[in-house]
C-alpha cells in the first residue's frame, strides 16, 4: 500500500487546482481520511509560510471511487493579517464528493490551559495488532504503515456518565519529514480512523453500515505523527441511523495537540449475512 508521503503528494494542475493520485485499495469507497488529508494539502499550498492551519470542517457528500483520482478546487475566501480562510471542493466525475473549509492563523500570544491527559497503559505494554491471533490482516493491510493499538476496557479508566468510550494509541511506523505542516496533514488523514468506532462500544454485536458524514478538527499544539499519540474517544449520542463521536489527542508528554468531532452514518445493516470486519471496532 502507498506511504503517507505518496498519498499527500498532489499534482498542481493550476494555481488553485490540485489532483490526488489513485492507489491500490481493498476498500469499496475512498477512505475519508485520504480525501480530508489531500484537501488540506491543497489548501496549505495556497497560503504563506507564516500561516498555520488551526481548524478544518469537512462534509463527505458522496462516496469516492478509490480507482479514480480526485481533483481539488481551492477558493481563496479571505486573506487577512492574522487569519486566512480557504474553501476546498473535492471532485470526481464532475461531482463534488467532499467540501472543506480550513482556517489559518499566524502565531499569537494568549492565555494557556488544557485538559489533563487520562491515565492509560503505555503503548509498549500493548501488543502490536499484527501479532494478535485471529486478527483480520486483510483489512489491516490498508493501514499497515500505521501502528494502532486499542486499549482494552480492563486497562483504562472509564467515566461513569459517558455513554461510550474508547482509547487508542497510534503512530506512523516510519520516520516522517520534520515539517510541522506535513504532520498536521498526516493527522488529518489519520483522525478519521477508529473515531466513529467508539459509538460501537456499547453495541459490539450489532452489524452496521458505517460512513463518515462530517468531520471537524482543531490543531492546538505542535506534534509529530511518527511518535505515539493517544486518541481519547467518546460517543455522547447515537440515534436515527447516525452517531456522534468526539476525540482528544494527546502526545506522550500529556500535551493536548488536537480535538476532533465527527458525525457518522451508523445504520443497521440490512444484509444480515454480513459480519463486523473492522479490527479496530470492538466486537
C-alpha atoms as a PDB file:
ATOM      1  CA  UNK A   1       0.000   0.000   0.000  1.00  0.00           C
ATOM      2  CA  UNK A   2       1.033   3.607  -0.530  1.00  0.00           C
ATOM      3  CA  UNK A   3       3.010   5.541   2.064  1.00  0.00           C
ATOM      4  CA  UNK A   4       1.563   8.685   3.612  1.00  0.00           C
ATOM      5  CA  UNK A   5       4.180  10.694   1.699  1.00  0.00           C
ATOM      6  CA  UNK A   6       2.787   9.338  -1.584  1.00  0.00           C
ATOM      7  CA  UNK A   7      -0.823   9.886  -0.530  1.00  0.00           C
ATOM      8  CA  UNK A   8      -0.239  13.537   0.406  1.00  0.00           C
ATOM      9  CA  UNK A   9       1.809  14.391  -2.700  1.00  0.00           C
ATOM     10  CA  UNK A  10      -0.536  16.231  -5.059  1.00  0.00           C
ATOM     11  CA  UNK A  11      -0.150  17.315  -8.663  1.00  0.00           C
ATOM     12  CA  UNK A  12      -0.640  21.036  -9.174  1.00  0.00           C
ATOM     13  CA  UNK A  13      -2.779  21.485 -12.291  1.00  0.00           C
ATOM     14  CA  UNK A  14      -3.305  25.250 -11.926  1.00  0.00           C
ATOM     15  CA  UNK A  15      -2.658  27.862  -9.231  1.00  0.00           C
ATOM     16  CA  UNK A  16      -5.591  26.721  -7.102  1.00  0.00           C
ATOM     17  CA  UNK A  17      -6.371  23.326  -8.653  1.00  0.00           C
ATOM     18  CA  UNK A  18      -4.731  20.088  -7.490  1.00  0.00           C
ATOM     19  CA  UNK A  19      -5.108  16.391  -8.220  1.00  0.00           C
ATOM     20  CA  UNK A  20      -4.571  13.430  -5.908  1.00  0.00           C
ATOM     21  CA  UNK A  21      -3.340  10.148  -7.290  1.00  0.00           C
ATOM     22  CA  UNK A  22      -5.042   6.767  -7.018  1.00  0.00           C
ATOM     23  CA  UNK A  23      -3.557   3.901  -5.040  1.00  0.00           C
ATOM     24  CA  UNK A  24      -4.351   0.188  -4.733  1.00  0.00           C
ATOM     25  CA  UNK A  25      -7.107  -0.237  -2.150  1.00  0.00           C
ATOM     26  CA  UNK A  26      -9.208  -3.007  -0.650  1.00  0.00           C
ATOM     27  CA  UNK A  27     -11.973  -0.515   0.145  1.00  0.00           C
ATOM     28  CA  UNK A  28     -15.131  -0.081  -1.916  1.00  0.00           C
ATOM     29  CA  UNK A  29     -15.029   3.676  -1.460  1.00  0.00           C
ATOM     30  CA  UNK A  30     -12.194   6.129  -0.943  1.00  0.00           C
ATOM     31  CA  UNK A  31     -11.074   6.360   2.689  1.00  0.00           C
ATOM     32  CA  UNK A  32     -12.419   9.606   4.132  1.00  0.00           C
ATOM     33  CA  UNK A  33      -9.126  10.455   5.803  1.00  0.00           C
ATOM     34  CA  UNK A  34      -7.371  10.338   2.439  1.00  0.00           C
ATOM     35  CA  UNK A  35      -9.789  12.866   0.953  1.00  0.00           C
ATOM     36  CA  UNK A  36      -9.562  15.145   4.004  1.00  0.00           C
ATOM     37  CA  UNK A  37      -5.769  14.959   4.102  1.00  0.00           C
ATOM     38  CA  UNK A  38      -5.381  15.714   0.403  1.00  0.00           C
ATOM     39  CA  UNK A  39      -7.901  18.563   0.599  1.00  0.00           C
ATOM     40  CA  UNK A  40      -5.915  20.104   3.440  1.00  0.00           C
ATOM     41  CA  UNK A  41      -2.662  19.774   1.495  1.00  0.00           C
ATOM     42  CA  UNK A  42      -4.245  21.641  -1.416  1.00  0.00           C
ATOM     43  CA  UNK A  43      -5.380  24.445   0.915  1.00  0.00           C
ATOM     44  CA  UNK A  44      -1.962  24.654   2.605  1.00  0.00           C
ATOM     45  CA  UNK A  45      -0.331  25.120  -0.794  1.00  0.00           C
ATOM     46  CA  UNK A  46      -2.240  28.382  -1.320  1.00  0.00           C
ATOM     47  CA  UNK A  47      -1.231  30.228   1.884  1.00  0.00           C
ATOM     48  CA  UNK A  48       2.008  31.853   3.010  1.00  0.00           C
ATOM     49  CA  UNK A  49       4.507  30.088   5.253  1.00  0.00           C
ATOM     50  CA  UNK A  50       3.691  32.404   8.163  1.00  0.00           C
ATOM     51  CA  UNK A  51       0.205  30.894   8.483  1.00  0.00           C
ATOM     52  CA  UNK A  52      -0.564  27.646  10.330  1.00  0.00           C
ATOM     53  CA  UNK A  53      -3.823  25.760   9.910  1.00  0.00           C
ATOM     54  CA  UNK A  54      -5.742  25.714  13.185  1.00  0.00           C
ATOM     55  CA  UNK A  55      -9.059  24.168  12.139  1.00  0.00           C
ATOM     56  CA  UNK A  56     -10.905  22.403   9.356  1.00  0.00           C
ATOM     57  CA  UNK A  57     -14.544  21.488   8.844  1.00  0.00           C
ATOM     58  CA  UNK A  58     -15.460  18.979   6.154  1.00  0.00           C
ATOM     59  CA  UNK A  59     -18.536  17.235   4.747  1.00  0.00           C
ATOM     60  CA  UNK A  60     -18.445  13.899   2.939  1.00  0.00           C
ATOM     61  CA  UNK A  61     -21.078  14.430   0.257  1.00  0.00           C
ATOM     62  CA  UNK A  62     -20.717  11.340  -1.928  1.00  0.00           C
ATOM     63  CA  UNK A  63     -18.671   8.147  -1.632  1.00  0.00           C
ATOM     64  CA  UNK A  64     -15.430   8.454  -3.563  1.00  0.00           C
ATOM     65  CA  UNK A  65     -14.252   5.880  -6.104  1.00  0.00           C
ATOM     66  CA  UNK A  66     -10.786   4.655  -4.993  1.00  0.00           C
ATOM     67  CA  UNK A  67      -9.867   3.795  -8.601  1.00  0.00           C
ATOM     68  CA  UNK A  68     -10.339   7.383  -9.802  1.00  0.00           C
ATOM     69  CA  UNK A  69      -8.212  10.455  -8.941  1.00  0.00           C
ATOM     70  CA  UNK A  70      -9.802  13.327  -7.035  1.00  0.00           C
ATOM     71  CA  UNK A  71      -9.425  16.922  -8.193  1.00  0.00           C
ATOM     72  CA  UNK A  72      -9.354  19.635  -5.511  1.00  0.00           C
ATOM     73  CA  UNK A  73     -10.563  23.152  -6.289  1.00  0.00           C
ATOM     74  CA  UNK A  74      -9.410  25.792  -3.780  1.00  0.00           C
ATOM     75  CA  UNK A  75     -11.298  29.045  -3.230  1.00  0.00           C
ATOM     76  CA  UNK A  76      -9.418  31.883  -1.515  1.00  0.00           C
ATOM     77  CA  UNK A  77     -12.195  33.143   0.744  1.00  0.00           C
ATOM     78  CA  UNK A  78     -10.137  35.585   2.812  1.00  0.00           C
ATOM     79  CA  UNK A  79      -6.564  36.756   3.253  1.00  0.00           C
ATOM     80  CA  UNK A  80      -6.040  38.856   6.365  1.00  0.00           C
ATOM     81  CA  UNK A  81      -3.090  39.903   8.520  1.00  0.00           C
ATOM     82  CA  UNK A  82      -3.802  37.316  11.238  1.00  0.00           C
ATOM     83  CA  UNK A  83      -6.203  34.858   9.617  1.00  0.00           C
ATOM     84  CA  UNK A  84      -6.900  33.491   6.185  1.00  0.00           C
ATOM     85  CA  UNK A  85      -9.607  31.094   5.039  1.00  0.00           C
ATOM     86  CA  UNK A  86      -9.809  28.561   2.239  1.00  0.00           C
ATOM     87  CA  UNK A  87     -12.696  26.521   0.889  1.00  0.00           C
ATOM     88  CA  UNK A  88     -11.848  23.266  -0.926  1.00  0.00           C
ATOM     89  CA  UNK A  89     -14.090  21.050  -3.053  1.00  0.00           C
ATOM     90  CA  UNK A  90     -13.028  17.517  -3.961  1.00  0.00           C
ATOM     91  CA  UNK A  91     -14.444  16.423  -7.326  1.00  0.00           C
ATOM     92  CA  UNK A  92     -14.778  13.107  -9.158  1.00  0.00           C
ATOM     93  CA  UNK A  93     -16.591  12.729 -12.495  1.00  0.00           C
ATOM     94  CA  UNK A  94     -17.664  16.380 -12.309  1.00  0.00           C
ATOM     95  CA  UNK A  95     -19.459  15.907  -8.978  1.00  0.00           C
ATOM     96  CA  UNK A  96     -18.446  17.104  -5.524  1.00  0.00           C
ATOM     97  CA  UNK A  97     -17.617  14.252  -3.150  1.00  0.00           C
ATOM     98  CA  UNK A  98     -16.185  16.409  -0.325  1.00  0.00           C
ATOM     99  CA  UNK A  99     -16.182  20.036   0.776  1.00  0.00           C
ATOM    100  CA  UNK A 100     -13.950  21.578   3.410  1.00  0.00           C
ATOM    101  CA  UNK A 101     -13.311  24.959   4.982  1.00  0.00           C
ATOM    102  CA  UNK A 102      -9.888  25.488   6.561  1.00  0.00           C
ATOM    103  CA  UNK A 103      -8.787  28.435   8.691  1.00  0.00           C
ATOM    104  CA  UNK A 104      -5.160  29.551   9.099  1.00  0.00           C
ATOM    105  CA  UNK A 105      -3.659  31.760  11.809  1.00  0.00           C
ATOM    106  CA  UNK A 106      -0.311  33.388  12.477  1.00  0.00           C
ATOM    107  CA  UNK A 107       1.239  32.666  15.884  1.00  0.00           C
ATOM    108  CA  UNK A 108      -0.136  34.945  18.637  1.00  0.00           C
ATOM    109  CA  UNK A 109       0.219  35.322  22.413  1.00  0.00           C
ATOM    110  CA  UNK A 110      -2.695  34.458  24.707  1.00  0.00           C
ATOM    111  CA  UNK A 111      -3.947  32.512  27.717  1.00  0.00           C
ATOM    112  CA  UNK A 112      -2.994  28.851  28.112  1.00  0.00           C
ATOM    113  CA  UNK A 113      -4.729  25.833  29.684  1.00  0.00           C
ATOM    114  CA  UNK A 114      -5.788  22.293  28.730  1.00  0.00           C
ATOM    115  CA  UNK A 115      -7.479  19.135  29.987  1.00  0.00           C
ATOM    116  CA  UNK A 116      -5.343  16.566  31.780  1.00  0.00           C
ATOM    117  CA  UNK A 117      -4.384  13.500  29.771  1.00  0.00           C
ATOM    118  CA  UNK A 118      -6.153  10.341  31.027  1.00  0.00           C
ATOM    119  CA  UNK A 119      -4.066   7.748  32.851  1.00  0.00           C
ATOM    120  CA  UNK A 120      -3.635   4.808  30.498  1.00  0.00           C
ATOM    121  CA  UNK A 121      -1.345   1.842  29.908  1.00  0.00           C
ATOM    122  CA  UNK A 122       1.738   2.728  27.857  1.00  0.00           C
ATOM    123  CA  UNK A 123       1.659   1.682  24.174  1.00  0.00           C
ATOM    124  CA  UNK A 124       4.759  -0.505  24.579  1.00  0.00           C
ATOM    125  CA  UNK A 125       2.771  -2.631  27.043  1.00  0.00           C
ATOM    126  CA  UNK A 126       0.113  -3.369  24.426  1.00  0.00           C
ATOM    127  CA  UNK A 127       0.599  -5.943  21.649  1.00  0.00           C
ATOM    128  CA  UNK A 128       1.242  -4.922  18.077  1.00  0.00           C
ATOM    129  CA  UNK A 129      -2.067  -5.791  16.338  1.00  0.00           C
ATOM    130  CA  UNK A 130      -0.167  -7.605  13.605  1.00  0.00           C
ATOM    131  CA  UNK A 131       0.890 -10.163  16.223  1.00  0.00           C
ATOM    132  CA  UNK A 132      -2.586 -10.888  17.572  1.00  0.00           C
ATOM    133  CA  UNK A 133      -4.233 -14.240  16.737  1.00  0.00           C
ATOM    134  CA  UNK A 134      -7.314 -14.107  14.509  1.00  0.00           C
ATOM    135  CA  UNK A 135      -6.567 -10.503  13.537  1.00  0.00           C
ATOM    136  CA  UNK A 136      -8.117  -9.561  10.186  1.00  0.00           C
ATOM    137  CA  UNK A 137      -4.902  -8.786   8.319  1.00  0.00           C
ATOM    138  CA  UNK A 138      -6.747  -8.311   5.014  1.00  0.00           C
ATOM    139  CA  UNK A 139      -8.409  -5.213   6.490  1.00  0.00           C
ATOM    140  CA  UNK A 140      -5.325  -4.015   8.338  1.00  0.00           C
ATOM    141  CA  UNK A 141      -3.292  -4.217   5.128  1.00  0.00           C
ATOM    142  CA  UNK A 142      -4.891  -0.930   4.116  1.00  0.00           C
ATOM    143  CA  UNK A 143      -3.179   0.822   7.058  1.00  0.00           C
ATOM    144  CA  UNK A 144      -0.140  -1.385   7.650  1.00  0.00           C
ATOM    145  CA  UNK A 145       2.103   1.728   7.767  1.00  0.00           C
ATOM    146  CA  UNK A 146       0.315   2.719  10.987  1.00  0.00           C
ATOM    147  CA  UNK A 147       0.796   1.209  14.445  1.00  0.00           C
ATOM    148  CA  UNK A 148      -2.687   1.334  16.016  1.00  0.00           C
ATOM    149  CA  UNK A 149      -3.211  -0.171  19.459  1.00  0.00           C
ATOM    150  CA  UNK A 150      -6.650  -0.070  21.076  1.00  0.00           C
ATOM    151  CA  UNK A 151      -6.517  -0.062  24.864  1.00  0.00           C
ATOM    152  CA  UNK A 152      -8.674  -2.873  26.338  1.00  0.00           C
ATOM    153  CA  UNK A 153     -11.528  -1.757  28.570  1.00  0.00           C
ATOM    154  CA  UNK A 154      -9.972  -3.532  31.538  1.00  0.00           C
ATOM    155  CA  UNK A 155      -6.818  -1.414  31.196  1.00  0.00           C
ATOM    156  CA  UNK A 156      -8.371   2.059  31.098  1.00  0.00           C
ATOM    157  CA  UNK A 157     -10.453   4.172  33.457  1.00  0.00           C
ATOM    158  CA  UNK A 158     -13.978   4.926  32.292  1.00  0.00           C
ATOM    159  CA  UNK A 159     -16.062   7.988  33.156  1.00  0.00           C
ATOM    160  CA  UNK A 160     -19.347   6.698  34.637  1.00  0.00           C
ATOM    161  CA  UNK A 161     -21.531   9.340  32.953  1.00  0.00           C
ATOM    162  CA  UNK A 162     -20.203   8.813  29.412  1.00  0.00           C
ATOM    163  CA  UNK A 163     -22.315   6.632  27.124  1.00  0.00           C
ATOM    164  CA  UNK A 164     -19.441   5.193  25.075  1.00  0.00           C
ATOM    165  CA  UNK A 165     -15.668   5.494  25.432  1.00  0.00           C
ATOM    166  CA  UNK A 166     -12.531   4.018  23.930  1.00  0.00           C
ATOM    167  CA  UNK A 167      -8.852   4.969  23.830  1.00  0.00           C
ATOM    168  CA  UNK A 168      -6.349   4.218  21.111  1.00  0.00           C
ATOM    169  CA  UNK A 169      -2.592   4.728  20.799  1.00  0.00           C
ATOM    170  CA  UNK A 170      -1.377   5.352  17.270  1.00  0.00           C
ATOM    171  CA  UNK A 171       1.676   6.485  15.317  1.00  0.00           C
ATOM    172  CA  UNK A 172       3.107   6.252  11.843  1.00  0.00           C
ATOM    173  CA  UNK A 173       5.652   3.420  11.840  1.00  0.00           C
ATOM    174  CA  UNK A 174       8.418   5.072   9.760  1.00  0.00           C
ATOM    175  CA  UNK A 175      10.146   8.436  10.333  1.00  0.00           C
ATOM    176  CA  UNK A 176       8.382  11.351   8.635  1.00  0.00           C
ATOM    177  CA  UNK A 177       9.721  14.716   7.387  1.00  0.00           C
ATOM    178  CA  UNK A 178      10.300  17.361  10.051  1.00  0.00           C
ATOM    179  CA  UNK A 179       7.828  19.836   8.531  1.00  0.00           C
ATOM    180  CA  UNK A 180       5.028  20.513  11.033  1.00  0.00           C
ATOM    181  CA  UNK A 181       2.682  21.149   8.113  1.00  0.00           C
ATOM    182  CA  UNK A 182       3.275  17.591   6.943  1.00  0.00           C
ATOM    183  CA  UNK A 183       2.453  16.187  10.394  1.00  0.00           C
ATOM    184  CA  UNK A 184      -0.733  18.262  10.506  1.00  0.00           C
ATOM    185  CA  UNK A 185      -1.882  16.906   7.136  1.00  0.00           C
ATOM    186  CA  UNK A 186      -0.937  13.399   8.246  1.00  0.00           C
ATOM    187  CA  UNK A 187      -3.114  13.756  11.336  1.00  0.00           C
ATOM    188  CA  UNK A 188      -5.997  14.990   9.173  1.00  0.00           C
ATOM    189  CA  UNK A 189      -5.662  11.672   7.331  1.00  0.00           C
ATOM    190  CA  UNK A 190      -5.442   9.560  10.482  1.00  0.00           C
ATOM    191  CA  UNK A 191      -8.116  11.347  12.548  1.00  0.00           C
ATOM    192  CA  UNK A 192     -10.863   9.625  10.521  1.00  0.00           C
ATOM    193  CA  UNK A 193      -9.614   6.173  11.587  1.00  0.00           C
ATOM    194  CA  UNK A 194     -11.192   4.466  14.653  1.00  0.00           C
ATOM    195  CA  UNK A 195     -13.142   7.527  15.862  1.00  0.00           C
ATOM    196  CA  UNK A 196     -16.663   6.563  14.800  1.00  0.00           C
ATOM    197  CA  UNK A 197     -15.916   3.079  16.127  1.00  0.00           C
ATOM    198  CA  UNK A 198     -16.276   4.499  19.633  1.00  0.00           C
ATOM    199  CA  UNK A 199     -20.045   4.526  19.007  1.00  0.00           C
ATOM    200  CA  UNK A 200     -19.977   0.736  18.672  1.00  0.00           C
ATOM    201  CA  UNK A 201     -18.533   0.108  22.157  1.00  0.00           C
ATOM    202  CA  UNK A 202     -21.986  -0.425  23.783  1.00  0.00           C
ATOM    203  CA  UNK A 203     -23.210  -2.386  20.730  1.00  0.00           C
ATOM    204  CA  UNK A 204     -20.407  -4.843  19.853  1.00  0.00           C
ATOM    205  CA  UNK A 205     -22.608  -7.463  18.175  1.00  0.00           C
ATOM    206  CA  UNK A 206     -24.732  -5.098  16.069  1.00  0.00           C
ATOM    207  CA  UNK A 207     -23.704  -5.056  12.398  1.00  0.00           C
ATOM    208  CA  UNK A 208     -23.957  -1.546  10.973  1.00  0.00           C
ATOM    209  CA  UNK A 209     -23.417   0.260   7.701  1.00  0.00           C
ATOM    210  CA  UNK A 210     -20.919   2.958   8.660  1.00  0.00           C
ATOM    211  CA  UNK A 211     -19.601   6.024   6.842  1.00  0.00           C
ATOM    212  CA  UNK A 212     -18.241   9.441   7.808  1.00  0.00           C
ATOM    213  CA  UNK A 213     -20.724  12.273   7.239  1.00  0.00           C
ATOM    214  CA  UNK A 214     -18.886  15.324   8.525  1.00  0.00           C
ATOM    215  CA  UNK A 215     -15.588  15.945  10.289  1.00  0.00           C
ATOM    216  CA  UNK A 216     -14.170  18.840  12.301  1.00  0.00           C
ATOM    217  CA  UNK A 217     -10.577  19.040  13.512  1.00  0.00           C
ATOM    218  CA  UNK A 218      -8.729  21.645  15.575  1.00  0.00           C
ATOM    219  CA  UNK A 219      -4.925  21.712  15.773  1.00  0.00           C
ATOM    220  CA  UNK A 220      -3.889  23.025  19.178  1.00  0.00           C
ATOM    221  CA  UNK A 221      -0.148  22.450  19.645  1.00  0.00           C
ATOM    222  CA  UNK A 222       2.790  21.125  17.573  1.00  0.00           C
ATOM    223  CA  UNK A 223       3.278  17.350  17.460  1.00  0.00           C
ATOM    224  CA  UNK A 224       4.776  14.529  15.423  1.00  0.00           C
ATOM    225  CA  UNK A 225       2.593  11.866  13.832  1.00  0.00           C
ATOM    226  CA  UNK A 226       5.501   9.380  13.845  1.00  0.00           C
ATOM    227  CA  UNK A 227       5.569   9.467  17.660  1.00  0.00           C
ATOM    228  CA  UNK A 228       2.909   7.922  19.911  1.00  0.00           C
ATOM    229  CA  UNK A 229      -0.345   9.874  20.207  1.00  0.00           C
ATOM    230  CA  UNK A 230      -3.266   8.962  22.454  1.00  0.00           C
ATOM    231  CA  UNK A 231      -6.717   9.236  20.866  1.00  0.00           C
ATOM    232  CA  UNK A 232      -9.214   9.618  23.735  1.00  0.00           C
ATOM    233  CA  UNK A 233     -12.611   8.987  22.138  1.00  0.00           C
ATOM    234  CA  UNK A 234     -16.221   9.242  23.288  1.00  0.00           C
ATOM    235  CA  UNK A 235     -19.596   8.923  21.601  1.00  0.00           C
ATOM    236  CA  UNK A 236     -22.116  11.018  23.539  1.00  0.00           C
ATOM    237  CA  UNK A 237     -25.100  10.118  21.342  1.00  0.00           C
ATOM    238  CA  UNK A 238     -26.338   7.752  18.644  1.00  0.00           C
ATOM    239  CA  UNK A 239     -29.843   7.565  17.187  1.00  0.00           C
ATOM    240  CA  UNK A 240     -31.841   7.735  13.943  1.00  0.00           C
ATOM    241  CA  UNK A 241     -29.080   5.989  11.963  1.00  0.00           C
ATOM    242  CA  UNK A 242     -26.360   8.492  12.939  1.00  0.00           C
ATOM    243  CA  UNK A 243     -23.729   8.594  15.668  1.00  0.00           C
ATOM    244  CA  UNK A 244     -21.772  11.498  17.102  1.00  0.00           C
ATOM    245  CA  UNK A 245     -18.166  10.939  18.172  1.00  0.00           C
ATOM    246  CA  UNK A 246     -15.543  13.245  19.631  1.00  0.00           C
ATOM    247  CA  UNK A 247     -11.883  12.844  20.416  1.00  0.00           C
ATOM    248  CA  UNK A 248      -8.999  14.499  22.229  1.00  0.00           C
ATOM    249  CA  UNK A 249      -5.487  13.733  21.008  1.00  0.00           C
ATOM    250  CA  UNK A 250      -2.519  13.886  23.416  1.00  0.00           C
ATOM    251  CA  UNK A 251       1.211  13.339  22.898  1.00  0.00           C
ATOM    252  CA  UNK A 252       3.410  11.310  25.260  1.00  0.00           C
ATOM    253  CA  UNK A 253       4.184  14.421  27.316  1.00  0.00           C
ATOM    254  CA  UNK A 254       0.479  14.883  28.075  1.00  0.00           C
ATOM    255  CA  UNK A 255       0.009  17.903  25.824  1.00  0.00           C
ATOM    256  CA  UNK A 256      -3.377  18.096  24.128  1.00  0.00           C
ATOM    257  CA  UNK A 257      -2.398  18.572  20.476  1.00  0.00           C
ATOM    258  CA  UNK A 258      -5.746  18.275  18.673  1.00  0.00           C
ATOM    259  CA  UNK A 259      -9.507  17.910  19.111  1.00  0.00           C
ATOM    260  CA  UNK A 260     -11.928  16.153  16.761  1.00  0.00           C
ATOM    261  CA  UNK A 261     -15.692  15.906  16.347  1.00  0.00           C
ATOM    262  CA  UNK A 262     -17.354  13.686  13.770  1.00  0.00           C
ATOM    263  CA  UNK A 263     -20.842  12.541  12.881  1.00  0.00           C
ATOM    264  CA  UNK A 264     -21.132   9.276  11.026  1.00  0.00           C
ATOM    265  CA  UNK A 265     -23.743   7.073   9.456  1.00  0.00           C
ATOM    266  CA  UNK A 266     -24.493   4.206  11.835  1.00  0.00           C
ATOM    267  CA  UNK A 267     -27.391   2.463  10.106  1.00  0.00           C
ATOM    268  CA  UNK A 268     -28.421  -1.094  10.956  1.00  0.00           C
ATOM    269  CA  UNK A 269     -27.047  -3.304   8.166  1.00  0.00           C
ATOM    270  CA  UNK A 270     -29.905  -4.681   6.091  1.00  0.00           C
ATOM    271  CA  UNK A 271     -27.811  -7.559   4.750  1.00  0.00           C
ATOM    272  CA  UNK A 272     -27.869  -9.948   7.715  1.00  0.00           C
ATOM    273  CA  UNK A 273     -25.171 -12.159   6.141  1.00  0.00           C
ATOM    274  CA  UNK A 274     -22.507  -9.504   6.727  1.00  0.00           C
ATOM    275  CA  UNK A 275     -20.280  -9.536   9.808  1.00  0.00           C
ATOM    276  CA  UNK A 276     -18.192  -6.979  11.659  1.00  0.00           C
ATOM    277  CA  UNK A 277     -14.805  -6.921   9.865  1.00  0.00           C
ATOM    278  CA  UNK A 278     -13.161  -3.768  11.207  1.00  0.00           C
ATOM    279  CA  UNK A 279     -10.465  -4.936  13.672  1.00  0.00           C
ATOM    280  CA  UNK A 280     -10.443  -1.525  15.336  1.00  0.00           C
ATOM    281  CA  UNK A 281     -14.153  -1.691  16.204  1.00  0.00           C
ATOM    282  CA  UNK A 282     -14.904  -3.563  19.466  1.00  0.00           C
ATOM    283  CA  UNK A 283     -16.620  -6.891  18.949  1.00  0.00           C
END
